[in-house]
Amino acid sequence: MKNRKCILVVDDDKDVLLFLEDRLNALGYDVLTARNGKEGLEALQSQSVAGVLLDLNMPVMGGMTMLEKLGNSSPSPPVIVMSATGHRSKLLEAISKGAMDFLIKPIAQDELASKCWRLFQ
């Protein structure tokens, strides 16, 4: 049996975490979740992942701060940032700081699948 790749999903919205965990499992990925950037960084210390889905707006440590901290570590996994439509400028800023791509919430399942397959293989 082929080893399933693991993706870390970092988002403070429980419903988003459940949706993404369900969709990513259906796509053949194992999923690790964290509710903020601090928990996400802690998870990465003990678990190797193929990629990170990272919400930008969270309490404790937001996605932009986590992205910057990931950029200081080597090697860092590819990151897809996520945010609501009204935060497009923040998404583009995250791309300039090292994110590989972005998803706008609500997330379309086909877009999630294509971006994960492209970046996390």
PDB file of N, CA and C in Angstrom:
ATOM      1  N   MET A   1       0.837  -1.188   0.000  1.00  0.00           N
ATOM      2  CA  MET A   1       0.000   0.000   0.000  1.00  0.00           C
ATOM      3  C   MET A   1       0.880   1.249   0.000  1.00  0.00           C
ATOM      4  N   LYS A   2       0.510   2.195  -0.782  1.00  0.00           N
ATOM      5  CA  LYS A   2       1.270   3.430  -0.910  1.00  0.00           C
ATOM      6  C   LYS A   2       1.082   4.304   0.336  1.00  0.00           C
ATOM      7  N   ASN A   3       2.159   4.924   0.783  1.00  0.00           N
ATOM      8  CA  ASN A   3       2.057   5.827   1.931  1.00  0.00           C
ATOM      9  C   ASN A   3       1.279   7.072   1.548  1.00  0.00           C
ATOM     10  N   ARG A   4       0.350   7.455   2.414  1.00  0.00           N
ATOM     11  CA  ARG A   4      -0.440   8.662   2.189  1.00  0.00           C
ATOM     12  C   ARG A   4       0.369   9.861   2.668  1.00  0.00           C
ATOM     13  N   LYS A   5       0.361  10.909   1.878  1.00  0.00           N
ATOM     14  CA  LYS A   5       1.029  12.144   2.281  1.00  0.00           C
ATOM     15  C   LYS A   5       0.167  12.874   3.293  1.00  0.00           C
ATOM     16  N   CYS A   6       0.828  13.611   4.171  1.00  0.00           N
ATOM     17  CA  CYS A   6       0.131  14.330   5.230  1.00  0.00           C
ATOM     18  C   CYS A   6       0.124  15.833   4.924  1.00  0.00           C
ATOM     19  N   ILE A   7      -1.025  16.445   5.151  1.00  0.00           N
ATOM     20  CA  ILE A   7      -1.163  17.888   4.988  1.00  0.00           C
ATOM     21  C   ILE A   7      -1.567  18.485   6.325  1.00  0.00           C
ATOM     22  N   LEU A   8      -0.924  19.573   6.692  1.00  0.00           N
ATOM     23  CA  LEU A   8      -1.282  20.316   7.896  1.00  0.00           C
ATOM     24  C   LEU A   8      -2.275  21.410   7.510  1.00  0.00           C
ATOM     25  N   VAL A   9      -3.432  21.411   8.184  1.00  0.00           N
ATOM     26  CA  VAL A   9      -4.439  22.449   7.970  1.00  0.00           C
ATOM     27  C   VAL A   9      -4.468  23.315   9.230  1.00  0.00           C
ATOM     28  N   VAL A  10      -4.221  24.619   9.053  1.00  0.00           N
ATOM     29  CA  VAL A  10      -4.197  25.550  10.184  1.00  0.00           C
ATOM     30  C   VAL A  10      -5.309  26.573   9.988  1.00  0.00           C
ATOM     31  N   ASP A  11      -6.341  26.486  10.843  1.00  0.00           N
ATOM     32  CA  ASP A  11      -7.484  27.394  10.748  1.00  0.00           C
ATOM     33  C   ASP A  11      -8.199  27.397  12.094  1.00  0.00           C
ATOM     34  N   ASP A  12      -8.683  28.552  12.521  1.00  0.00           N
ATOM     35  CA  ASP A  12      -9.374  28.645  13.809  1.00  0.00           C
ATOM     36  C   ASP A  12     -10.866  28.322  13.701  1.00  0.00           C
ATOM     37  N   ASP A  13     -11.381  28.142  12.501  1.00  0.00           N
ATOM     38  CA  ASP A  13     -12.794  27.831  12.292  1.00  0.00           C
ATOM     39  C   ASP A  13     -12.985  26.313  12.262  1.00  0.00           C
ATOM     40  N   LYS A  14     -13.676  25.780  13.272  1.00  0.00           N
ATOM     41  CA  LYS A  14     -13.874  24.340  13.395  1.00  0.00           C
ATOM     42  C   LYS A  14     -14.560  23.746  12.167  1.00  0.00           C
ATOM     43  N   ASP A  15     -15.539  24.464  11.614  1.00  0.00           N
ATOM     44  CA  ASP A  15     -16.252  23.962  10.432  1.00  0.00           C
ATOM     45  C   ASP A  15     -15.333  23.864   9.219  1.00  0.00           C
ATOM     46  N   VAL A  16     -14.444  24.836   9.066  1.00  0.00           N
ATOM     47  CA  VAL A  16     -13.478  24.794   7.961  1.00  0.00           C
ATOM     48  C   VAL A  16     -12.530  23.613   8.149  1.00  0.00           C
ATOM     49  N   LEU A  17     -12.058  23.404   9.380  1.00  0.00           N
ATOM     50  CA  LEU A  17     -11.169  22.270   9.650  1.00  0.00           C
ATOM     51  C   LEU A  17     -11.853  20.948   9.301  1.00  0.00           C
ATOM     52  N   LEU A  18     -13.103  20.793   9.707  1.00  0.00           N
ATOM     53  CA  LEU A  18     -13.833  19.550   9.423  1.00  0.00           C
ATOM     54  C   LEU A  18     -14.046  19.359   7.927  1.00  0.00           C
ATOM     55  N   PHE A  19     -14.432  20.430   7.225  1.00  0.00           N
ATOM     56  CA  PHE A  19     -14.627  20.360   5.776  1.00  0.00           C
ATOM     57  C   PHE A  19     -13.329  19.954   5.076  1.00  0.00           C
ATOM     58  N   LEU A  20     -12.229  20.641   5.406  1.00  0.00           N
ATOM     59  CA  LEU A  20     -10.966  20.357   4.732  1.00  0.00           C
ATOM     60  C   LEU A  20     -10.442  18.966   5.083  1.00  0.00           C
ATOM     61  N   GLU A  21     -10.592  18.565   6.330  1.00  0.00           N
ATOM     62  CA  GLU A  21     -10.156  17.223   6.719  1.00  0.00           C
ATOM     63  C   GLU A  21     -10.921  16.169   5.924  1.00  0.00           C
ATOM     64  N   ASP A  22     -12.226  16.337   5.801  1.00  0.00           N
ATOM     65  CA  ASP A  22     -13.058  15.404   5.046  1.00  0.00           C
ATOM     66  C   ASP A  22     -12.654  15.364   3.570  1.00  0.00           C
ATOM     67  N   ARG A  23     -12.516  16.527   2.955  1.00  0.00           N
ATOM     68  CA  ARG A  23     -12.169  16.601   1.527  1.00  0.00           C
ATOM     69  C   ARG A  23     -10.779  16.046   1.259  1.00  0.00           C
ATOM     70  N   LEU A  24      -9.817  16.403   2.099  1.00  0.00           N
ATOM     71  CA  LEU A  24      -8.442  15.947   1.891  1.00  0.00           C
ATOM     72  C   LEU A  24      -8.316  14.441   2.119  1.00  0.00           C
ATOM     73  N   ASN A  25      -9.030  13.912   3.106  1.00  0.00           N
ATOM     74  CA  ASN A  25      -9.041  12.457   3.301  1.00  0.00           C
ATOM     75  C   ASN A  25      -9.593  11.764   2.063  1.00  0.00           C
ATOM     76  N   ALA A  26     -10.658  12.327   1.493  1.00  0.00           N
ATOM     77  CA  ALA A  26     -11.261  11.755   0.282  1.00  0.00           C
ATOM     78  C   ALA A  26     -10.295  11.799  -0.903  1.00  0.00           C
ATOM     79  N   LEU A  27      -9.392  12.777  -0.886  1.00  0.00           N
ATOM     80  CA  LEU A  27      -8.393  12.891  -1.956  1.00  0.00           C
ATOM     81  C   LEU A  27      -7.181  11.986  -1.719  1.00  0.00           C
ATOM     82  N   GLY A  28      -7.148  11.321  -0.565  1.00  0.00           N
ATOM     83  CA  GLY A  28      -6.057  10.389  -0.289  1.00  0.00           C
ATOM     84  C   GLY A  28      -4.959  10.922   0.606  1.00  0.00           C
ATOM     85  N   TYR A  29      -5.202  12.024   1.275  1.00  0.00           N
ATOM     86  CA  TYR A  29      -4.208  12.596   2.181  1.00  0.00           C
ATOM     87  C   TYR A  29      -4.557  12.288   3.634  1.00  0.00           C
ATOM     88  N   ASP A  30      -3.541  12.162   4.471  1.00  0.00           N
ATOM     89  CA  ASP A  30      -3.731  12.206   5.908  1.00  0.00           C
ATOM     90  C   ASP A  30      -3.737  13.672   6.292  1.00  0.00           C
ATOM     91  N   VAL A  31      -4.455  14.013   7.355  1.00  0.00           N
ATOM     92  CA  VAL A  31      -4.608  15.423   7.727  1.00  0.00           C
ATOM     93  C   VAL A  31      -4.250  15.625   9.190  1.00  0.00           C
ATOM     94  N   LEU A  32      -3.448  16.631   9.422  1.00  0.00           N
ATOM     95  CA  LEU A  32      -3.086  17.092  10.753  1.00  0.00           C
ATOM     96  C   LEU A  32      -3.696  18.481  10.880  1.00  0.00           C
ATOM     97  N   THR A  33      -4.327  18.794  12.007  1.00  0.00           N
ATOM     98  CA  THR A  33      -4.965  20.104  12.146  1.00  0.00           C
ATOM     99  C   THR A  33      -4.386  20.889  13.314  1.00  0.00           C
ATOM    100  N   ALA A  34      -4.466  22.206  13.176  1.00  0.00           N
ATOM    101  CA  ALA A  34      -4.053  23.128  14.233  1.00  0.00           C
ATOM    102  C   ALA A  34      -4.999  24.323  14.180  1.00  0.00           C
ATOM    103  N   ARG A  35      -5.241  24.953  15.350  1.00  0.00           N
ATOM    104  CA  ARG A  35      -6.209  26.049  15.423  1.00  0.00           C
ATOM    105  C   ARG A  35      -5.588  27.439  15.322  1.00  0.00           C
ATOM    106  N   ASN A  36      -4.268  27.506  15.264  1.00  0.00           N
ATOM    107  CA  ASN A  36      -3.587  28.795  15.087  1.00  0.00           C
ATOM    108  C   ASN A  36      -2.151  28.535  14.669  1.00  0.00           C
ATOM    109  N   GLY A  37      -1.446  29.609  14.324  1.00  0.00           N
ATOM    110  CA  GLY A  37      -0.082  29.464  13.844  1.00  0.00           C
ATOM    111  C   GLY A  37       0.867  28.855  14.862  1.00  0.00           C
ATOM    112  N   LYS A  38       0.678  29.175  16.124  1.00  0.00           N
ATOM    113  CA  LYS A  38       1.534  28.618  17.181  1.00  0.00           C
ATOM    114  C   LYS A  38       1.389  27.099  17.228  1.00  0.00           C
ATOM    115  N   GLU A  39       0.133  26.613  17.226  1.00  0.00           N
ATOM    116  CA  GLU A  39      -0.098  25.167  17.209  1.00  0.00           C
ATOM    117  C   GLU A  39       0.439  24.545  15.921  1.00  0.00           C
ATOM    118  N   GLY A  40       0.313  25.270  14.814  1.00  0.00           N
ATOM    119  CA  GLY A  40       0.827  24.766  13.542  1.00  0.00           C
ATOM    120  C   GLY A  40       2.328  24.570  13.560  1.00  0.00           C
ATOM    121  N   LEU A  41       3.053  25.549  14.082  1.00  0.00           N
ATOM    122  CA  LEU A  41       4.511  25.425  14.176  1.00  0.00           C
ATOM    123  C   LEU A  41       4.905  24.290  15.104  1.00  0.00           C
ATOM    124  N   GLU A  42       4.173  24.138  16.209  1.00  0.00           N
ATOM    125  CA  GLU A  42       4.451  23.038  17.136  1.00  0.00           C
ATOM    126  C   GLU A  42       4.218  21.693  16.452  1.00  0.00           C
ATOM    127  N   ALA A  43       3.157  21.578  15.667  1.00  0.00           N
ATOM    128  CA  ALA A  43       2.865  20.330  14.964  1.00  0.00           C
ATOM    129  C   ALA A  43       3.986  19.982  13.983  1.00  0.00           C
ATOM    130  N   LEU A  44       4.537  20.991  13.335  1.00  0.00           N
ATOM    131  CA  LEU A  44       5.594  20.752  12.348  1.00  0.00           C
ATOM    132  C   LEU A  44       6.910  20.302  12.983  1.00  0.00           C
ATOM    133  N   GLN A  45       7.066  20.543  14.287  1.00  0.00           N
ATOM    134  CA  GLN A  45       8.281  20.085  14.971  1.00  0.00           C
ATOM    135  C   GLN A  45       8.297  18.572  15.147  1.00  0.00           C
ATOM    136  N   SER A  46       7.104  17.963  15.174  1.00  0.00           N
ATOM    137  CA  SER A  46       7.044  16.520  15.417  1.00  0.00           C
ATOM    138  C   SER A  46       6.526  15.718  14.223  1.00  0.00           C
ATOM    139  N   GLN A  47       6.067  16.400  13.188  1.00  0.00           N
ATOM    140  CA  GLN A  47       5.455  15.708  12.052  1.00  0.00           C
ATOM    141  C   GLN A  47       5.941  16.319  10.741  1.00  0.00           C
ATOM    142  N   SER A  48       6.364  15.457   9.835  1.00  0.00           N
ATOM    143  CA  SER A  48       6.738  15.910   8.500  1.00  0.00           C
ATOM    144  C   SER A  48       5.482  15.954   7.635  1.00  0.00           C
ATOM    145  N   VAL A  49       5.312  17.027   6.874  1.00  0.00           N
ATOM    146  CA  VAL A  49       4.122  17.154   6.034  1.00  0.00           C
ATOM    147  C   VAL A  49       4.514  17.487   4.598  1.00  0.00           C
ATOM    148  N   ALA A  50       3.624  17.133   3.669  1.00  0.00           N
ATOM    149  CA  ALA A  50       3.839  17.429   2.255  1.00  0.00           C
ATOM    150  C   ALA A  50       3.481  18.869   1.929  1.00  0.00           C
ATOM    151  N   GLY A  51       2.628  19.485   2.777  1.00  0.00           N
ATOM    152  CA  GLY A  51       2.209  20.854   2.534  1.00  0.00           C
ATOM    153  C   GLY A  51       1.348  21.375   3.666  1.00  0.00           C
ATOM    154  N   VAL A  52       1.081  22.683   3.607  1.00  0.00           N
ATOM    155  CA  VAL A  52       0.310  23.361   4.642  1.00  0.00           C
ATOM    156  C   VAL A  52      -0.786  24.193   3.981  1.00  0.00           C
ATOM    157  N   LEU A  53      -2.010  24.052   4.490  1.00  0.00           N
ATOM    158  CA  LEU A  53      -3.111  24.948   4.152  1.00  0.00           C
ATOM    159  C   LEU A  53      -3.247  25.883   5.335  1.00  0.00           C
ATOM    160  N   LEU A  54      -3.059  27.183   5.113  1.00  0.00           N
ATOM    161  CA  LEU A  54      -2.889  28.133   6.210  1.00  0.00           C
ATOM    162  C   LEU A  54      -3.850  29.308   6.097  1.00  0.00           C
ATOM    163  N   ASP A  55      -4.741  29.424   7.095  1.00  0.00           N
ATOM    164  CA  ASP A  55      -5.630  30.584   7.165  1.00  0.00           C
ATOM    165  C   ASP A  55      -4.807  31.793   7.612  1.00  0.00           C
ATOM    166  N   LEU A  56      -5.125  32.955   7.070  1.00  0.00           N
ATOM    167  CA  LEU A  56      -4.359  34.151   7.433  1.00  0.00           C
ATOM    168  C   LEU A  56      -4.850  34.828   8.705  1.00  0.00           C
ATOM    169  N   ASN A  57      -6.142  34.767   8.976  1.00  0.00           N
ATOM    170  CA  ASN A  57      -6.708  35.506  10.110  1.00  0.00           C
ATOM    171  C   ASN A  57      -7.089  34.561  11.242  1.00  0.00           C
ATOM    172  N   MET A  58      -6.221  34.498  12.259  1.00  0.00           N
ATOM    173  CA  MET A  58      -6.446  33.631  13.418  1.00  0.00           C
ATOM    174  C   MET A  58      -5.954  34.331  14.675  1.00  0.00           C
ATOM    175  N   PRO A  59      -6.518  33.943  15.832  1.00  0.00           N
ATOM    176  CA  PRO A  59      -6.003  34.472  17.096  1.00  0.00           C
ATOM    177  C   PRO A  59      -4.680  33.792  17.471  1.00  0.00           C
ATOM    178  N   VAL A  60      -4.057  34.253  18.498  1.00  0.00           N
ATOM    179  CA  VAL A  60      -2.799  33.737  19.058  1.00  0.00           C
ATOM    180  C   VAL A  60      -1.639  34.025  18.117  1.00  0.00           C
ATOM    181  N   MET A  61      -1.605  33.365  16.964  1.00  0.00           N
ATOM    182  CA  MET A  61      -0.615  33.654  15.928  1.00  0.00           C
ATOM    183  C   MET A  61      -1.302  33.505  14.583  1.00  0.00           C
ATOM    184  N   GLY A  62      -1.356  34.580  13.830  1.00  0.00           N
ATOM    185  CA  GLY A  62      -1.995  34.568  12.528  1.00  0.00           C
ATOM    186  C   GLY A  62      -1.149  33.871  11.481  1.00  0.00           C
ATOM    187  N   GLY A  63      -1.758  33.653  10.337  1.00  0.00           N
ATOM    188  CA  GLY A  63      -1.084  32.949   9.261  1.00  0.00           C
ATOM    189  C   GLY A  63       0.113  33.675   8.682  1.00  0.00           C
ATOM    190  N   MET A  64       0.052  35.006   8.620  1.00  0.00           N
ATOM    191  CA  MET A  64       1.187  35.750   8.061  1.00  0.00           C
ATOM    192  C   MET A  64       2.429  35.567   8.941  1.00  0.00           C
ATOM    193  N   THR A  65       2.242  35.612  10.252  1.00  0.00           N
ATOM    194  CA  THR A  65       3.370  35.414  11.174  1.00  0.00           C
ATOM    195  C   THR A  65       3.909  33.996  11.052  1.00  0.00           C
ATOM    196  N   MET A  66       3.015  33.010  10.970  1.00  0.00           N
ATOM    197  CA  MET A  66       3.467  31.627  10.809  1.00  0.00           C
ATOM    198  C   MET A  66       4.225  31.459   9.500  1.00  0.00           C
ATOM    199  N   LEU A  67       3.720  32.065   8.436  1.00  0.00           N
ATOM    200  CA  LEU A  67       4.383  31.994   7.138  1.00  0.00           C
ATOM    201  C   LEU A  67       5.791  32.574   7.208  1.00  0.00           C
ATOM    202  N   GLU A  68       5.947  33.708   7.879  1.00  0.00           N
ATOM    203  CA  GLU A  68       7.266  34.316   8.030  1.00  0.00           C
ATOM    204  C   GLU A  68       8.201  33.406   8.818  1.00  0.00           C
ATOM    205  N   LYS A  69       7.699  32.779   9.883  1.00  0.00           N
ATOM    206  CA  LYS A  69       8.519  31.863  10.681  1.00  0.00           C
ATOM    207  C   LYS A  69       8.895  30.633   9.877  1.00  0.00           C
ATOM    208  N   LEU A  70       7.989  30.141   9.045  1.00  0.00           N
ATOM    209  CA  LEU A  70       8.300  29.003   8.174  1.00  0.00           C
ATOM    210  C   LEU A  70       9.399  29.365   7.180  1.00  0.00           C
ATOM    211  N   GLY A  71       9.357  30.595   6.686  1.00  0.00           N
ATOM    212  CA  GLY A  71      10.370  31.046   5.734  1.00  0.00           C
ATOM    213  C   GLY A  71      11.764  31.075   6.315  1.00  0.00           C
ATOM    214  N   ASN A  72      11.859  31.161   7.639  1.00  0.00           N
ATOM    215  CA  ASN A  72      13.153  31.178   8.316  1.00  0.00           C
ATOM    216  C   ASN A  72      13.671  29.781   8.608  1.00  0.00           C
ATOM    217  N   SER A  73      12.851  28.753   8.380  1.00  0.00           N
ATOM    218  CA  SER A  73      13.290  27.385   8.629  1.00  0.00           C
ATOM    219  C   SER A  73      13.562  26.697   7.300  1.00  0.00           C
ATOM    220  N   SER A  74      14.416  25.706   7.353  1.00  0.00           N
ATOM    221  CA  SER A  74      14.761  25.009   6.129  1.00  0.00           C
ATOM    222  C   SER A  74      14.786  23.511   6.393  1.00  0.00           C
ATOM    223  N   PRO A  75      14.229  22.706   5.555  1.00  0.00           N
ATOM    224  CA  PRO A  75      13.351  23.117   4.464  1.00  0.00           C
ATOM    225  C   PRO A  75      11.941  23.373   4.998  1.00  0.00           C
ATOM    226  N   SER A  76      11.219  24.236   4.341  1.00  0.00           N
ATOM    227  CA  SER A  76       9.844  24.474   4.766  1.00  0.00           C
ATOM    228  C   SER A  76       8.902  23.884   3.711  1.00  0.00           C
ATOM    229  N   PRO A  77       7.775  23.324   4.155  1.00  0.00           N
ATOM    230  CA  PRO A  77       6.842  22.718   3.202  1.00  0.00           C
ATOM    231  C   PRO A  77       6.147  23.786   2.367  1.00  0.00           C
ATOM    232  N   PRO A  78       5.641  23.425   1.193  1.00  0.00           N
ATOM    233  CA  PRO A  78       4.875  24.387   0.397  1.00  0.00           C
ATOM    234  C   PRO A  78       3.605  24.790   1.151  1.00  0.00           C
ATOM    235  N   VAL A  79       3.243  26.065   1.026  1.00  0.00           N
ATOM    236  CA  VAL A  79       2.093  26.614   1.753  1.00  0.00           C
ATOM    237  C   VAL A  79       1.076  27.189   0.770  1.00  0.00           C
ATOM    238  N   ILE A  80      -0.194  26.847   0.996  1.00  0.00           N
ATOM    239  CA  ILE A  80      -1.312  27.491   0.317  1.00  0.00           C
ATOM    240  C   ILE A  80      -2.051  28.278   1.390  1.00  0.00           C
ATOM    241  N   VAL A  81      -2.155  29.598   1.215  1.00  0.00           N
ATOM    242  CA  VAL A  81      -2.862  30.417   2.194  1.00  0.00           C
ATOM    243  C   VAL A  81      -4.337  30.501   1.829  1.00  0.00           C
ATOM    244  N   MET A  82      -5.163  30.739   2.872  1.00  0.00           N
ATOM    245  CA  MET A  82      -6.612  30.791   2.686  1.00  0.00           C
ATOM    246  C   MET A  82      -7.153  32.020   3.400  1.00  0.00           C
ATOM    247  N   SER A  83      -8.139  32.652   2.780  1.00  0.00           N
ATOM    248  CA  SER A  83      -8.821  33.767   3.430  1.00  0.00           C
ATOM    249  C   SER A  83     -10.107  34.077   2.674  1.00  0.00           C
ATOM    250  N   ALA A  84     -10.908  34.931   3.272  1.00  0.00           N
ATOM    251  CA  ALA A  84     -12.165  35.329   2.646  1.00  0.00           C
ATOM    252  C   ALA A  84     -11.902  36.278   1.481  1.00  0.00           C
ATOM    253  N   THR A  85     -12.884  36.413   0.619  1.00  0.00           N
ATOM    254  CA  THR A  85     -12.768  37.227  -0.592  1.00  0.00           C
ATOM    255  C   THR A  85     -12.265  38.639  -0.322  1.00  0.00           C
ATOM    256  N   GLY A  86     -12.728  39.269   0.739  1.00  0.00           N
ATOM    257  CA  GLY A  86     -12.369  40.646   1.026  1.00  0.00           C
ATOM    258  C   GLY A  86     -10.921  40.867   1.402  1.00  0.00           C
ATOM    259  N   HIS A  87     -10.158  39.796   1.557  1.00  0.00           N
ATOM    260  CA  HIS A  87      -8.765  39.923   1.982  1.00  0.00           C
ATOM    261  C   HIS A  87      -7.782  39.589   0.861  1.00  0.00           C
ATOM    262  N   ARG A  88      -8.172  39.842  -0.378  1.00  0.00           N
ATOM    263  CA  ARG A  88      -7.316  39.496  -1.524  1.00  0.00           C
ATOM    264  C   ARG A  88      -5.920  40.132  -1.425  1.00  0.00           C
ATOM    265  N   SER A  89      -5.825  41.354  -0.946  1.00  0.00           N
ATOM    266  CA  SER A  89      -4.508  42.006  -0.844  1.00  0.00           C
ATOM    267  C   SER A  89      -3.617  41.263   0.149  1.00  0.00           C
ATOM    268  N   LYS A  90      -4.205  40.732   1.214  1.00  0.00           N
ATOM    269  CA  LYS A  90      -3.430  39.948   2.189  1.00  0.00           C
ATOM    270  C   LYS A  90      -2.944  38.640   1.554  1.00  0.00           C
ATOM    271  N   LEU A  91      -3.791  38.033   0.727  1.00  0.00           N
ATOM    272  CA  LEU A  91      -3.389  36.808   0.041  1.00  0.00           C
ATOM    273  C   LEU A  91      -2.205  37.068  -0.884  1.00  0.00           C
ATOM    274  N   LEU A  92      -2.257  38.162  -1.601  1.00  0.00           N
ATOM    275  CA  LEU A  92      -1.150  38.502  -2.504  1.00  0.00           C
ATOM    276  C   LEU A  92       0.113  38.842  -1.724  1.00  0.00           C
ATOM    277  N   GLU A  93      -0.040  39.486  -0.569  1.00  0.00           N
ATOM    278  CA  GLU A  93       1.113  39.761   0.297  1.00  0.00           C
ATOM    279  C   GLU A  93       1.745  38.451   0.764  1.00  0.00           C
ATOM    280  N   ALA A  94       0.896  37.481   1.104  1.00  0.00           N
ATOM    281  CA  ALA A  94       1.406  36.181   1.545  1.00  0.00           C
ATOM    282  C   ALA A  94       2.184  35.483   0.430  1.00  0.00           C
ATOM    283  N   ILE A  95       1.725  35.616  -0.806  1.00  0.00           N
ATOM    284  CA  ILE A  95       2.459  35.050  -1.948  1.00  0.00           C
ATOM    285  C   ILE A  95       3.843  35.688  -2.026  1.00  0.00           C
ATOM    286  N   SER A  96       3.916  36.979  -1.823  1.00  0.00           N
ATOM    287  CA  SER A  96       5.213  37.662  -1.874  1.00  0.00           C
ATOM    288  C   SER A  96       6.128  37.238  -0.730  1.00  0.00           C
ATOM    289  N   LYS A  97       5.547  36.689   0.335  1.00  0.00           N
ATOM    290  CA  LYS A  97       6.344  36.249   1.492  1.00  0.00           C
ATOM    291  C   LYS A  97       6.608  34.747   1.482  1.00  0.00           C
ATOM    292  N   GLY A  98       6.288  34.077   0.376  1.00  0.00           N
ATOM    293  CA  GLY A  98       6.686  32.684   0.260  1.00  0.00           C
ATOM    294  C   GLY A  98       5.585  31.666   0.071  1.00  0.00           C
ATOM    295  N   ALA A  99       4.322  32.053   0.210  1.00  0.00           N
ATOM    296  CA  ALA A  99       3.246  31.104  -0.053  1.00  0.00           C
ATOM    297  C   ALA A  99       3.264  30.737  -1.537  1.00  0.00           C
ATOM    298  N   MET A 100       2.912  29.500  -1.839  1.00  0.00           N
ATOM    299  CA  MET A 100       2.954  29.037  -3.227  1.00  0.00           C
ATOM    300  C   MET A 100       1.679  29.369  -4.004  1.00  0.00           C
ATOM    301  N   ASP A 101       0.555  29.496  -3.279  1.00  0.00           N
ATOM    302  CA  ASP A 101      -0.724  29.752  -3.933  1.00  0.00           C
ATOM    303  C   ASP A 101      -1.720  30.179  -2.864  1.00  0.00           C
ATOM    304  N   PHE A 102      -2.972  30.444  -3.284  1.00  0.00           N
ATOM    305  CA  PHE A 102      -3.990  30.816  -2.315  1.00  0.00           C
ATOM    306  C   PHE A 102      -5.337  30.234  -2.700  1.00  0.00           C
ATOM    307  N   LEU A 103      -6.192  30.122  -1.689  1.00  0.00           N
ATOM    308  CA  LEU A 103      -7.578  29.704  -1.866  1.00  0.00           C
ATOM    309  C   LEU A 103      -8.466  30.751  -1.208  1.00  0.00           C
ATOM    310  N   ILE A 104      -9.543  31.117  -1.897  1.00  0.00           N
ATOM    311  CA  ILE A 104     -10.483  32.087  -1.354  1.00  0.00           C
ATOM    312  C   ILE A 104     -11.681  31.335  -0.788  1.00  0.00           C
ATOM    313  N   LYS A 105     -12.033  31.675   0.455  1.00  0.00           N
ATOM    314  CA  LYS A 105     -13.194  31.050   1.110  1.00  0.00           C
ATOM    315  C   LYS A 105     -14.474  31.701   0.631  1.00  0.00           C
ATOM    316  N   PRO A 106     -15.556  30.951   0.466  1.00  0.00           N
ATOM    317  CA  PRO A 106     -15.636  29.507   0.668  1.00  0.00           C
ATOM    318  C   PRO A 106     -14.858  28.765  -0.419  1.00  0.00           C
ATOM    319  N   ILE A 107     -14.219  27.700  -0.026  1.00  0.00           N
ATOM    320  CA  ILE A 107     -13.296  26.981  -0.900  1.00  0.00           C
ATOM    321  C   ILE A 107     -14.050  26.002  -1.797  1.00  0.00           C
ATOM    322  N   ALA A 108     -13.804  26.113  -3.083  1.00  0.00           N
ATOM    323  CA  ALA A 108     -14.394  25.191  -4.063  1.00  0.00           C
ATOM    324  C   ALA A 108     -13.614  23.875  -4.030  1.00  0.00           C
ATOM    325  N   GLN A 109     -14.325  22.768  -3.993  1.00  0.00           N
ATOM    326  CA  GLN A 109     -13.683  21.458  -3.874  1.00  0.00           C
ATOM    327  C   GLN A 109     -12.738  21.146  -5.033  1.00  0.00           C
ATOM    328  N   ASP A 110     -13.134  21.498  -6.258  1.00  0.00           N
ATOM    329  CA  ASP A 110     -12.275  21.195  -7.406  1.00  0.00           C
ATOM    330  C   ASP A 110     -10.994  22.025  -7.373  1.00  0.00           C
ATOM    331  N   GLU A 111     -11.085  23.271  -6.914  1.00  0.00           N
ATOM    332  CA  GLU A 111      -9.905  24.116  -6.803  1.00  0.00           C
ATOM    333  C   GLU A 111      -8.970  23.593  -5.711  1.00  0.00           C
ATOM    334  N   LEU A 112      -9.534  23.165  -4.595  1.00  0.00           N
ATOM    335  CA  LEU A 112      -8.745  22.566  -3.517  1.00  0.00           C
ATOM    336  C   LEU A 112      -7.981  21.362  -4.042  1.00  0.00           C
ATOM    337  N   ALA A 113      -8.675  20.484  -4.732  1.00  0.00           N
ATOM    338  CA  ALA A 113      -8.051  19.267  -5.259  1.00  0.00           C
ATOM    339  C   ALA A 113      -6.923  19.590  -6.231  1.00  0.00           C
ATOM    340  N   SER A 114      -7.168  20.468  -7.185  1.00  0.00           N
ATOM    341  CA  SER A 114      -6.147  20.743  -8.201  1.00  0.00           C
ATOM    342  C   SER A 114      -4.910  21.401  -7.596  1.00  0.00           C
ATOM    343  N   LYS A 115      -5.107  22.321  -6.659  1.00  0.00           N
ATOM    344  CA  LYS A 115      -3.946  23.000  -6.055  1.00  0.00           C
ATOM    345  C   LYS A 115      -3.156  22.060  -5.151  1.00  0.00           C
ATOM    346  N   CYS A 116      -3.851  21.204  -4.406  1.00  0.00           N
ATOM    347  CA  CYS A 116      -3.142  20.243  -3.555  1.00  0.00           C
ATOM    348  C   CYS A 116      -2.364  19.248  -4.398  1.00  0.00           C
ATOM    349  N   TRP A 117      -2.973  18.704  -5.447  1.00  0.00           N
ATOM    350  CA  TRP A 117      -2.271  17.766  -6.310  1.00  0.00           C
ATOM    351  C   TRP A 117      -1.066  18.411  -6.969  1.00  0.00           C
ATOM    352  N   ARG A 118      -1.203  19.656  -7.379  1.00  0.00           N
ATOM    353  CA  ARG A 118      -0.109  20.343  -8.065  1.00  0.00           C
ATOM    354  C   ARG A 118       1.049  20.652  -7.119  1.00  0.00           C
ATOM    355  N   LEU A 119       0.747  21.071  -5.891  1.00  0.00           N
ATOM    356  CA  LEU A 119       1.806  21.567  -5.000  1.00  0.00           C
ATOM    357  C   LEU A 119       2.299  20.570  -3.948  1.00  0.00           C
ATOM    358  N   PHE A 120       1.470  19.580  -3.609  1.00  0.00           N
ATOM    359  CA  PHE A 120       1.828  18.719  -2.485  1.00  0.00           C
ATOM    360  C   PHE A 120       2.234  17.306  -2.897  1.00  0.00           C
ATOM    361  N   GLN A 121       2.523  17.095  -4.176  1.00  0.00           N
ATOM    362  CA  GLN A 121       2.936  15.757  -4.609  1.00  0.00           C
ATOM    363  C   GLN A 121       4.381  15.578  -4.475  1.00  0.00           C
TER     364      GLN A 121
END
